């Protein structure tokens, strides 16, 4: 019986850790009147280093593919 209770205890701990981010997200969503992350820019409007690298990589790939097809 002790093994079952210990297993139940550890499963509750694991479940609490697993669902803590969801609970935090719901709490923040309710706390800020439906804006969980505050005022954010629409997706894709801001420039970033990663976006520039991705655009450069796509352009290089297009150039190499066009040279290979000629």
N, C-alpha and C. Protein backbone atom coordinates (compact mmCIF):
# COMPACT_ATOMS: atom_id res chain seq x y z
N UNK A 1 0.82 -1.20 0.00
CA UNK A 1 0.00 0.00 0.00
C UNK A 1 0.87 1.26 0.00
N UNK A 2 2.01 1.18 0.72
CA UNK A 2 2.91 2.33 0.77
C UNK A 2 3.49 2.66 -0.59
N UNK A 3 3.75 1.64 -1.41
CA UNK A 3 4.30 1.86 -2.75
C UNK A 3 3.30 2.61 -3.63
N UNK A 4 2.03 2.27 -3.50
CA UNK A 4 1.00 2.92 -4.30
C UNK A 4 0.87 4.39 -3.90
N UNK A 5 0.91 4.66 -2.60
CA UNK A 5 0.82 6.05 -2.15
C UNK A 5 2.05 6.86 -2.58
N UNK A 6 3.22 6.26 -2.53
CA UNK A 6 4.43 6.95 -2.97
C UNK A 6 4.36 7.24 -4.47
N UNK A 7 3.91 6.28 -5.24
CA UNK A 7 3.75 6.48 -6.67
C UNK A 7 2.75 7.59 -6.96
N UNK A 8 1.64 7.61 -6.25
CA UNK A 8 0.64 8.65 -6.41
C UNK A 8 1.24 10.02 -6.09
N UNK A 9 2.01 10.10 -5.02
CA UNK A 9 2.65 11.36 -4.64
C UNK A 9 3.58 11.86 -5.75
N UNK A 10 4.45 10.98 -6.26
CA UNK A 10 5.38 11.39 -7.30
C UNK A 10 4.66 11.75 -8.60
N UNK A 11 3.58 11.07 -8.90
CA UNK A 11 2.81 11.42 -10.10
C UNK A 11 2.17 12.79 -9.96
N UNK A 12 1.72 13.15 -8.77
CA UNK A 12 1.18 14.49 -8.54
C UNK A 12 2.26 15.55 -8.73
N UNK A 13 3.46 15.28 -8.25
CA UNK A 13 4.58 16.21 -8.41
C UNK A 13 4.90 16.40 -9.90
N UNK A 14 5.01 15.31 -10.63
CA UNK A 14 5.32 15.38 -12.06
C UNK A 14 4.21 16.12 -12.82
N UNK A 15 2.97 15.84 -12.49
CA UNK A 15 1.85 16.52 -13.16
C UNK A 15 1.86 18.02 -12.85
N UNK A 16 2.17 18.37 -11.62
CA UNK A 16 2.24 19.79 -11.25
C UNK A 16 3.31 20.52 -12.03
N UNK A 17 4.47 19.90 -12.18
CA UNK A 17 5.56 20.51 -12.95
C UNK A 17 5.19 20.58 -14.43
N UNK A 18 4.54 19.55 -14.94
CA UNK A 18 4.20 19.52 -16.36
C UNK A 18 3.15 20.57 -16.73
N UNK A 19 2.20 20.82 -15.84
CA UNK A 19 1.13 21.74 -16.17
C UNK A 19 1.33 23.14 -15.61
N UNK A 20 2.43 23.39 -14.93
CA UNK A 20 2.70 24.72 -14.39
C UNK A 20 2.77 25.80 -15.48
N UNK A 21 3.43 25.57 -16.62
CA UNK A 21 3.44 26.60 -17.67
C UNK A 21 2.05 26.94 -18.19
N UNK A 22 1.20 25.94 -18.31
CA UNK A 22 -0.16 26.20 -18.76
C UNK A 22 -0.92 27.04 -17.75
N UNK A 23 -0.77 26.72 -16.48
CA UNK A 23 -1.42 27.51 -15.44
C UNK A 23 -0.92 28.94 -15.41
N UNK A 24 0.38 29.13 -15.60
CA UNK A 24 0.94 30.48 -15.63
C UNK A 24 0.40 31.26 -16.82
N UNK A 25 0.33 30.61 -17.99
CA UNK A 25 -0.19 31.27 -19.18
C UNK A 25 -1.65 31.70 -18.96
N UNK A 26 -2.46 30.83 -18.40
CA UNK A 26 -3.86 31.16 -18.14
C UNK A 26 -3.96 32.31 -17.14
N UNK A 27 -3.13 32.28 -16.10
CA UNK A 27 -3.12 33.36 -15.12
C UNK A 27 -2.76 34.69 -15.77
N UNK A 28 -1.71 34.70 -16.60
CA UNK A 28 -1.29 35.95 -17.25
C UNK A 28 -2.35 36.42 -18.25
N UNK A 29 -3.01 35.50 -18.93
CA UNK A 29 -4.04 35.85 -19.89
C UNK A 29 -5.21 36.53 -19.20
N UNK A 30 -5.59 36.02 -18.05
CA UNK A 30 -6.70 36.60 -17.30
C UNK A 30 -6.28 37.93 -16.67
N UNK A 31 -5.03 38.02 -16.21
CA UNK A 31 -4.57 39.21 -15.50
C UNK A 31 -4.45 40.42 -16.40
N UNK A 32 -4.18 40.22 -17.69
CA UNK A 32 -3.96 41.36 -18.59
C UNK A 32 -5.12 41.55 -19.58
N UNK A 33 -6.31 41.19 -19.20
CA UNK A 33 -7.51 41.41 -20.01
C UNK A 33 -7.39 40.83 -21.43
N UNK A 34 -6.97 39.60 -21.51
CA UNK A 34 -6.92 38.94 -22.81
C UNK A 34 -5.65 39.19 -23.59
N UNK A 35 -4.65 39.83 -23.02
CA UNK A 35 -3.37 40.04 -23.69
C UNK A 35 -2.27 39.38 -22.85
N UNK A 36 -1.99 38.10 -23.10
CA UNK A 36 -1.07 37.37 -22.22
C UNK A 36 0.35 37.91 -22.24
N UNK A 37 0.77 38.55 -23.32
CA UNK A 37 2.13 39.04 -23.40
C UNK A 37 2.19 40.55 -23.52
N UNK A 38 1.10 41.23 -23.19
CA UNK A 38 1.09 42.68 -23.27
C UNK A 38 0.95 43.14 -24.71
N UNK A 39 1.37 44.35 -24.97
CA UNK A 39 1.31 44.91 -26.32
C UNK A 39 2.51 44.41 -27.12
N UNK A 40 2.25 43.60 -28.12
CA UNK A 40 3.32 43.08 -28.96
C UNK A 40 3.07 43.50 -30.39
N UNK A 41 4.14 43.51 -31.18
CA UNK A 41 4.01 43.84 -32.59
C UNK A 41 3.41 42.65 -33.33
N UNK A 42 2.69 42.92 -34.40
CA UNK A 42 2.19 41.81 -35.21
C UNK A 42 3.36 40.99 -35.76
N UNK A 43 3.13 39.72 -35.97
CA UNK A 43 4.19 38.82 -36.41
C UNK A 43 4.72 39.24 -37.78
N UNK A 44 6.04 39.31 -37.90
CA UNK A 44 6.67 39.58 -39.18
C UNK A 44 6.94 41.04 -39.46
N UNK A 45 6.52 41.93 -38.60
CA UNK A 45 6.73 43.36 -38.87
C UNK A 45 8.08 43.87 -38.39
N UNK A 46 8.70 43.18 -37.47
CA UNK A 46 9.96 43.66 -36.93
C UNK A 46 11.13 42.97 -37.62
N UNK A 47 12.23 43.70 -37.78
CA UNK A 47 13.42 43.15 -38.39
C UNK A 47 14.28 42.50 -37.32
N UNK A 48 14.93 41.42 -37.66
CA UNK A 48 15.81 40.75 -36.70
C UNK A 48 16.97 40.10 -37.43
N UNK A 49 17.99 39.78 -36.68
CA UNK A 49 19.17 39.14 -37.24
C UNK A 49 18.83 37.79 -37.86
N UNK A 50 17.98 37.03 -37.21
CA UNK A 50 17.61 35.70 -37.71
C UNK A 50 16.84 35.82 -39.03
N UNK A 51 15.94 36.80 -39.13
CA UNK A 51 15.20 36.98 -40.38
C UNK A 51 16.13 37.38 -41.52
N UNK A 52 17.10 38.24 -41.22
CA UNK A 52 18.06 38.65 -42.27
C UNK A 52 18.89 37.45 -42.72
N UNK A 53 19.33 36.61 -41.76
CA UNK A 53 20.10 35.42 -42.12
C UNK A 53 19.27 34.47 -42.97
N UNK A 54 18.01 34.29 -42.60
CA UNK A 54 17.14 33.39 -43.36
C UNK A 54 16.92 33.91 -44.77
N UNK A 55 16.71 35.22 -44.91
CA UNK A 55 16.52 35.80 -46.24
C UNK A 55 17.78 35.64 -47.09
N UNK A 56 18.93 35.84 -46.46
CA UNK A 56 20.20 35.69 -47.17
C UNK A 56 20.40 34.23 -47.61
N UNK A 57 20.08 33.29 -46.75
CA UNK A 57 20.21 31.87 -47.08
C UNK A 57 19.26 31.47 -48.21
N UNK A 58 18.04 31.97 -48.17
CA UNK A 58 17.07 31.67 -49.23
C UNK A 58 17.55 32.24 -50.56
N UNK A 59 18.07 33.47 -50.52
CA UNK A 59 18.56 34.10 -51.75
C UNK A 59 19.76 33.33 -52.31
N UNK A 60 20.68 32.90 -51.44
CA UNK A 60 21.84 32.12 -51.90
C UNK A 60 21.39 30.80 -52.51
N UNK A 61 20.39 30.16 -51.91
CA UNK A 61 19.87 28.90 -52.43
C UNK A 61 19.23 29.09 -53.81
N UNK A 62 18.47 30.17 -53.96
CA UNK A 62 17.84 30.46 -55.25
C UNK A 62 18.90 30.68 -56.33
N UNK A 63 19.97 31.42 -55.99
CA UNK A 63 21.03 31.68 -56.96
C UNK A 63 21.72 30.39 -57.37
N UNK A 64 22.04 29.54 -56.37
CA UNK A 64 22.71 28.28 -56.68
C UNK A 64 21.82 27.35 -57.50
N UNK A 65 20.53 27.34 -57.20
CA UNK A 65 19.60 26.49 -57.97
C UNK A 65 19.45 27.01 -59.40
N UNK A 66 19.43 28.32 -59.57
CA UNK A 66 19.29 28.87 -60.91
C UNK A 66 20.56 28.63 -61.73
N UNK A 67 21.75 28.68 -61.09
CA UNK A 67 23.00 28.39 -61.80
C UNK A 67 23.07 26.92 -62.15
N UNK A 68 22.60 26.04 -61.29
CA UNK A 68 22.65 24.61 -61.54
C UNK A 68 21.69 24.18 -62.65
N UNK A 69 20.60 24.90 -62.81
CA UNK A 69 19.62 24.51 -63.84
C UNK A 69 20.01 25.01 -65.22
N UNK A 70 20.99 25.90 -65.32
CA UNK A 70 21.40 26.43 -66.65
C UNK A 70 22.34 25.51 -67.35
